[in-house]
Amino acid sequence: MVGLFFLINFTHKMKVGVLILAELRKILISLPDNLLKEIDNIVSVERTNRSEFVREAMRLYIREKRKIQIMDRMKKGYLEMAEINIKLAEVCYDADCDQQQIYEERLGELE
């Protein structure tokens, strides 16, 4: 991999009174040439720069990771609730069967 290095400005927000000021931090990353060429093509078409491109890509990545984590927690919760719901359904089914049997016995007594 032939790596090209470039600096990215990261935003760190600081509250000052009512205003929120952005403090940019620089980091150094390496990318393979083919990926850098793709990025350069995109930033050229979108009339932006590499730093903004990478910031937005990272925001999107973090947002998607959070969505996946939420979906995983929801799935786990639904699976746990499924077990509880099955147990409740079994209890209610047994109670319904008991009530049905009592009802049929009373009907038989009336005949």
N, C-alpha and C. Protein backbone atom coordinates (compact mmCIF):
# COMPACT_ATOMS: atom_id res chain seq x y z
N MET A 1 0.85 -1.17 0.00
CA MET A 1 0.00 0.00 0.00
C MET A 1 0.89 1.23 0.00
N VAL A 2 0.69 2.04 -0.97
CA VAL A 2 1.39 3.32 -0.99
C VAL A 2 0.50 4.30 -0.25
N GLY A 3 0.97 4.79 0.85
CA GLY A 3 0.13 5.66 1.66
C GLY A 3 0.41 7.12 1.39
N LEU A 4 -0.62 7.89 1.24
CA LEU A 4 -0.51 9.34 1.17
C LEU A 4 -1.05 9.88 2.47
N PHE A 5 -0.37 10.83 2.98
CA PHE A 5 -0.78 11.39 4.26
C PHE A 5 -1.41 12.75 4.05
N PHE A 6 -2.44 13.03 4.80
CA PHE A 6 -2.96 14.39 4.83
C PHE A 6 -3.57 14.66 6.18
N LEU A 7 -3.63 15.90 6.52
CA LEU A 7 -4.14 16.30 7.82
C LEU A 7 -5.63 16.57 7.74
N ILE A 8 -6.30 16.21 8.80
CA ILE A 8 -7.74 16.44 8.87
C ILE A 8 -8.01 17.32 10.08
N ASN A 9 -8.84 18.30 9.91
CA ASN A 9 -9.24 19.14 11.03
C ASN A 9 -10.47 18.53 11.68
N PHE A 10 -10.39 18.26 12.99
CA PHE A 10 -11.52 17.74 13.73
C PHE A 10 -12.14 18.85 14.55
N THR A 11 -13.44 18.80 14.64
CA THR A 11 -14.16 19.83 15.39
C THR A 11 -14.37 19.38 16.82
N HIS A 12 -14.01 20.21 17.74
CA HIS A 12 -14.27 19.99 19.15
C HIS A 12 -15.04 21.23 19.60
N LYS A 13 -16.30 21.05 19.97
CA LYS A 13 -17.15 22.20 20.29
C LYS A 13 -16.96 22.64 21.73
N MET A 14 -16.85 23.93 21.92
CA MET A 14 -16.73 24.50 23.24
C MET A 14 -17.81 25.57 23.40
N LYS A 15 -18.51 25.55 24.53
CA LYS A 15 -19.54 26.55 24.78
C LYS A 15 -18.89 27.79 25.39
N VAL A 16 -19.20 28.90 24.80
CA VAL A 16 -18.76 30.18 25.34
C VAL A 16 -20.00 31.05 25.40
N GLY A 17 -20.56 31.20 26.58
CA GLY A 17 -21.81 31.94 26.70
C GLY A 17 -22.89 31.22 25.95
N VAL A 18 -23.52 31.89 25.01
CA VAL A 18 -24.58 31.31 24.20
C VAL A 18 -24.00 30.70 22.93
N LEU A 19 -22.86 31.20 22.49
CA LEU A 19 -22.26 30.74 21.24
C LEU A 19 -21.50 29.43 21.44
N ILE A 20 -21.49 28.62 20.42
CA ILE A 20 -20.69 27.39 20.44
C ILE A 20 -19.58 27.58 19.40
N LEU A 21 -18.37 27.61 19.87
CA LEU A 21 -17.24 27.79 18.96
C LEU A 21 -16.63 26.43 18.65
N ALA A 22 -16.18 26.26 17.43
CA ALA A 22 -15.58 24.98 17.02
C ALA A 22 -14.07 25.12 17.02
N GLU A 23 -13.44 24.22 17.75
CA GLU A 23 -11.98 24.17 17.77
C GLU A 23 -11.57 22.97 16.92
N LEU A 24 -10.76 23.20 15.92
CA LEU A 24 -10.36 22.13 15.02
C LEU A 24 -9.05 21.52 15.49
N ARG A 25 -9.00 20.19 15.48
CA ARG A 25 -7.78 19.45 15.83
C ARG A 25 -7.29 18.76 14.57
N LYS A 26 -6.02 18.71 14.39
CA LYS A 26 -5.45 18.04 13.22
C LYS A 26 -4.98 16.64 13.59
N ILE A 27 -5.28 15.72 12.68
CA ILE A 27 -4.77 14.35 12.83
C ILE A 27 -4.12 13.96 11.51
N LEU A 28 -3.34 12.94 11.55
CA LEU A 28 -2.66 12.45 10.36
C LEU A 28 -3.15 11.04 10.07
N ILE A 29 -3.61 10.81 8.84
CA ILE A 29 -4.04 9.47 8.45
C ILE A 29 -3.34 9.09 7.16
N SER A 30 -3.28 7.81 6.90
CA SER A 30 -2.71 7.34 5.64
C SER A 30 -3.78 6.60 4.86
N LEU A 31 -3.78 6.78 3.57
CA LEU A 31 -4.76 6.15 2.68
C LEU A 31 -4.04 5.55 1.48
N PRO A 32 -4.58 4.46 0.96
CA PRO A 32 -4.02 3.94 -0.28
C PRO A 32 -4.33 4.91 -1.43
N ASP A 33 -3.49 4.90 -2.43
CA ASP A 33 -3.64 5.83 -3.56
C ASP A 33 -5.02 5.76 -4.21
N ASN A 34 -5.53 4.54 -4.42
CA ASN A 34 -6.82 4.43 -5.12
C ASN A 34 -7.96 5.05 -4.31
N LEU A 35 -7.92 4.92 -2.99
CA LEU A 35 -8.96 5.52 -2.15
C LEU A 35 -8.83 7.04 -2.16
N LEU A 36 -7.61 7.53 -2.10
CA LEU A 36 -7.39 8.97 -2.14
C LEU A 36 -7.87 9.57 -3.46
N LYS A 37 -7.65 8.84 -4.56
CA LYS A 37 -8.12 9.33 -5.87
C LYS A 37 -9.64 9.41 -5.89
N GLU A 38 -10.31 8.41 -5.32
CA GLU A 38 -11.78 8.44 -5.26
C GLU A 38 -12.25 9.63 -4.43
N ILE A 39 -11.61 9.84 -3.30
CA ILE A 39 -11.98 10.98 -2.45
C ILE A 39 -11.76 12.28 -3.19
N ASP A 40 -10.63 12.41 -3.84
CA ASP A 40 -10.34 13.64 -4.59
C ASP A 40 -11.36 13.89 -5.69
N ASN A 41 -11.80 12.82 -6.35
CA ASN A 41 -12.84 12.98 -7.38
C ASN A 41 -14.14 13.49 -6.76
N ILE A 42 -14.51 12.91 -5.64
CA ILE A 42 -15.76 13.31 -4.98
C ILE A 42 -15.68 14.75 -4.50
N VAL A 43 -14.59 15.11 -3.83
CA VAL A 43 -14.50 16.48 -3.31
C VAL A 43 -14.45 17.50 -4.45
N SER A 44 -13.90 17.10 -5.57
CA SER A 44 -13.87 17.99 -6.74
C SER A 44 -15.28 18.24 -7.26
N VAL A 45 -16.06 17.16 -7.39
CA VAL A 45 -17.43 17.27 -7.89
C VAL A 45 -18.30 18.04 -6.90
N GLU A 46 -18.13 17.75 -5.61
CA GLU A 46 -18.96 18.37 -4.59
C GLU A 46 -18.44 19.73 -4.14
N ARG A 47 -17.31 20.14 -4.68
CA ARG A 47 -16.70 21.44 -4.36
C ARG A 47 -16.50 21.64 -2.86
N THR A 48 -15.86 20.64 -2.28
CA THR A 48 -15.53 20.71 -0.86
C THR A 48 -14.05 20.40 -0.72
N ASN A 49 -13.62 19.95 0.44
CA ASN A 49 -12.21 19.59 0.61
C ASN A 49 -12.09 18.25 1.34
N ARG A 50 -10.89 17.74 1.38
CA ARG A 50 -10.66 16.43 1.99
C ARG A 50 -11.08 16.41 3.45
N SER A 51 -10.73 17.45 4.18
CA SER A 51 -11.05 17.49 5.61
C SER A 51 -12.55 17.41 5.83
N GLU A 52 -13.30 18.21 5.10
CA GLU A 52 -14.75 18.20 5.26
C GLU A 52 -15.32 16.84 4.85
N PHE A 53 -14.77 16.27 3.79
CA PHE A 53 -15.21 14.95 3.33
C PHE A 53 -15.02 13.90 4.44
N VAL A 54 -13.84 13.88 5.03
CA VAL A 54 -13.54 12.89 6.06
C VAL A 54 -14.37 13.16 7.32
N ARG A 55 -14.57 14.42 7.68
CA ARG A 55 -15.42 14.72 8.84
C ARG A 55 -16.83 14.18 8.61
N GLU A 56 -17.37 14.44 7.43
CA GLU A 56 -18.73 13.97 7.13
C GLU A 56 -18.78 12.45 7.07
N ALA A 57 -17.77 11.82 6.50
CA ALA A 57 -17.72 10.35 6.46
C ALA A 57 -17.68 9.77 7.87
N MET A 58 -16.94 10.40 8.74
CA MET A 58 -16.86 9.91 10.12
C MET A 58 -18.17 10.13 10.86
N ARG A 59 -18.82 11.26 10.62
CA ARG A 59 -20.14 11.50 11.23
C ARG A 59 -21.13 10.42 10.78
N LEU A 60 -21.14 10.15 9.49
CA LEU A 60 -22.04 9.12 8.96
C LEU A 60 -21.73 7.75 9.55
N TYR A 61 -20.46 7.43 9.65
CA TYR A 61 -20.04 6.15 10.21
C TYR A 61 -20.52 6.02 11.66
N ILE A 62 -20.29 7.06 12.45
CA ILE A 62 -20.71 7.03 13.86
C ILE A 62 -22.22 6.92 13.96
N ARG A 63 -22.95 7.67 13.12
CA ARG A 63 -24.41 7.60 13.14
C ARG A 63 -24.89 6.20 12.80
N GLU A 64 -24.30 5.57 11.80
CA GLU A 64 -24.70 4.22 11.40
C GLU A 64 -24.35 3.20 12.48
N LYS A 65 -23.19 3.35 13.12
CA LYS A 65 -22.81 2.44 14.20
C LYS A 65 -23.82 2.54 15.34
N ARG A 66 -24.25 3.76 15.65
CA ARG A 66 -25.25 3.93 16.72
C ARG A 66 -26.56 3.28 16.34
N LYS A 67 -26.97 3.42 15.09
CA LYS A 67 -28.21 2.78 14.63
C LYS A 67 -28.12 1.27 14.77
N ILE A 68 -26.99 0.71 14.39
CA ILE A 68 -26.79 -0.74 14.49
C ILE A 68 -26.84 -1.17 15.96
N GLN A 69 -26.21 -0.40 16.85
CA GLN A 69 -26.24 -0.73 18.27
C GLN A 69 -27.66 -0.68 18.82
N ILE A 70 -28.43 0.32 18.42
CA ILE A 70 -29.82 0.43 18.86
C ILE A 70 -30.63 -0.75 18.35
N MET A 71 -30.44 -1.08 17.07
CA MET A 71 -31.17 -2.21 16.49
C MET A 71 -30.81 -3.51 17.20
N ASP A 72 -29.56 -3.69 17.54
CA ASP A 72 -29.13 -4.89 18.27
C ASP A 72 -29.78 -4.96 19.65
N ARG A 73 -29.84 -3.81 20.35
CA ARG A 73 -30.48 -3.80 21.67
C ARG A 73 -31.98 -4.06 21.54
N MET A 74 -32.60 -3.50 20.51
CA MET A 74 -34.02 -3.74 20.30
C MET A 74 -34.28 -5.21 20.00
N LYS A 75 -33.45 -5.80 19.15
CA LYS A 75 -33.61 -7.21 18.82
C LYS A 75 -33.49 -8.07 20.07
N LYS A 76 -32.49 -7.76 20.89
CA LYS A 76 -32.30 -8.51 22.14
C LYS A 76 -33.54 -8.37 23.03
N GLY A 77 -34.06 -7.15 23.13
CA GLY A 77 -35.25 -6.91 23.94
C GLY A 77 -36.45 -7.66 23.41
N TYR A 78 -36.63 -7.66 22.09
CA TYR A 78 -37.76 -8.39 21.51
C TYR A 78 -37.64 -9.89 21.75
N LEU A 79 -36.42 -10.41 21.68
CA LEU A 79 -36.23 -11.84 21.94
C LEU A 79 -36.54 -12.17 23.40
N GLU A 80 -36.10 -11.29 24.31
CA GLU A 80 -36.41 -11.51 25.72
C GLU A 80 -37.92 -11.44 25.96
N MET A 81 -38.57 -10.47 25.34
CA MET A 81 -40.02 -10.33 25.50
C MET A 81 -40.75 -11.51 24.87
N ALA A 82 -40.21 -12.07 23.80
CA ALA A 82 -40.85 -13.22 23.17
C ALA A 82 -40.94 -14.38 24.15
N GLU A 83 -39.87 -14.62 24.89
CA GLU A 83 -39.88 -15.70 25.89
C GLU A 83 -40.92 -15.42 26.96
N ILE A 84 -40.98 -14.18 27.42
CA ILE A 84 -41.97 -13.81 28.45
C ILE A 84 -43.38 -13.98 27.89
N ASN A 85 -43.59 -13.53 26.67
CA ASN A 85 -44.92 -13.62 26.05
C ASN A 85 -45.36 -15.06 25.86
N ILE A 86 -44.44 -15.94 25.51
CA ILE A 86 -44.79 -17.37 25.36
C ILE A 86 -45.23 -17.93 26.71
N LYS A 87 -44.49 -17.61 27.77
CA LYS A 87 -44.86 -18.10 29.10
C LYS A 87 -46.23 -17.57 29.52
N LEU A 88 -46.47 -16.28 29.26
CA LEU A 88 -47.79 -15.71 29.59
C LEU A 88 -48.89 -16.37 28.78
N ALA A 89 -48.62 -16.61 27.50
CA ALA A 89 -49.63 -17.25 26.65
C ALA A 89 -49.94 -18.66 27.15
N GLU A 90 -48.92 -19.38 27.58
CA GLU A 90 -49.14 -20.74 28.10
C GLU A 90 -49.98 -20.70 29.37
N VAL A 91 -49.69 -19.78 30.26
CA VAL A 91 -50.46 -19.65 31.50
C VAL A 91 -51.91 -19.31 31.18
N CYS A 92 -52.10 -18.33 30.29
CA CYS A 92 -53.47 -17.93 29.91
C CYS A 92 -54.20 -19.06 29.19
N TYR A 93 -53.48 -19.80 28.36
CA TYR A 93 -54.11 -20.92 27.64
C TYR A 93 -54.59 -21.97 28.64
N ASP A 94 -53.75 -22.29 29.61
CA ASP A 94 -54.14 -23.27 30.64
C ASP A 94 -55.36 -22.77 31.41
N ALA A 95 -55.38 -21.48 31.76
CA ALA A 95 -56.52 -20.92 32.48
C ALA A 95 -57.77 -20.97 31.62
N ASP A 96 -57.64 -20.66 30.32
CA ASP A 96 -58.78 -20.74 29.41
C ASP A 96 -59.30 -22.16 29.29
N CYS A 97 -58.40 -23.12 29.23
CA CYS A 97 -58.81 -24.53 29.15
C CYS A 97 -59.57 -24.94 30.41
N ASP A 98 -59.06 -24.49 31.56
CA ASP A 98 -59.75 -24.80 32.82
C ASP A 98 -61.16 -24.19 32.83
N GLN A 99 -61.26 -22.95 32.40
CA GLN A 99 -62.56 -22.28 32.36
C GLN A 99 -63.50 -22.98 31.37
N GLN A 100 -62.96 -23.39 30.24
CA GLN A 100 -63.77 -24.10 29.24
C GLN A 100 -64.30 -25.41 29.82
N GLN A 101 -63.47 -26.12 30.53
CA GLN A 101 -63.88 -27.39 31.13
C GLN A 101 -64.98 -27.16 32.18
N ILE A 102 -64.83 -26.14 33.01
CA ILE A 102 -65.85 -25.81 34.01
C ILE A 102 -67.16 -25.46 33.32
N TYR A 103 -67.08 -24.68 32.27
CA TYR A 103 -68.27 -24.27 31.51
C TYR A 103 -68.99 -25.49 30.93
N GLU A 104 -68.22 -26.40 30.33
CA GLU A 104 -68.82 -27.60 29.73
C GLU A 104 -69.44 -28.51 30.79
N GLU A 105 -68.80 -28.60 31.96
CA GLU A 105 -69.37 -29.40 33.05
C GLU A 105 -70.69 -28.82 33.52
N ARG A 106 -70.78 -27.51 33.64
CA ARG A 106 -72.03 -26.85 34.07
C ARG A 106 -73.14 -27.03 33.01
N LEU A 107 -72.72 -26.96 31.74
CA LEU A 107 -73.69 -27.18 30.66
C LEU A 107 -74.24 -28.61 30.74
N GLY A 108 -73.35 -29.56 31.02
CA GLY A 108 -73.77 -30.96 31.14
C GLY A 108 -74.74 -31.18 32.29
N GLU A 109 -74.57 -30.43 33.35
CA GLU A 109 -75.47 -30.55 34.49
C GLU A 109 -76.87 -30.03 34.16
N LEU A 110 -76.96 -29.08 33.26
CA LEU A 110 -78.24 -28.49 32.90
C LEU A 110 -79.07 -29.40 31.97
N GLU A 111 -78.44 -30.31 31.34
CA GLU A 111 -79.13 -31.14 30.37
C GLU A 111 -79.95 -32.22 30.97
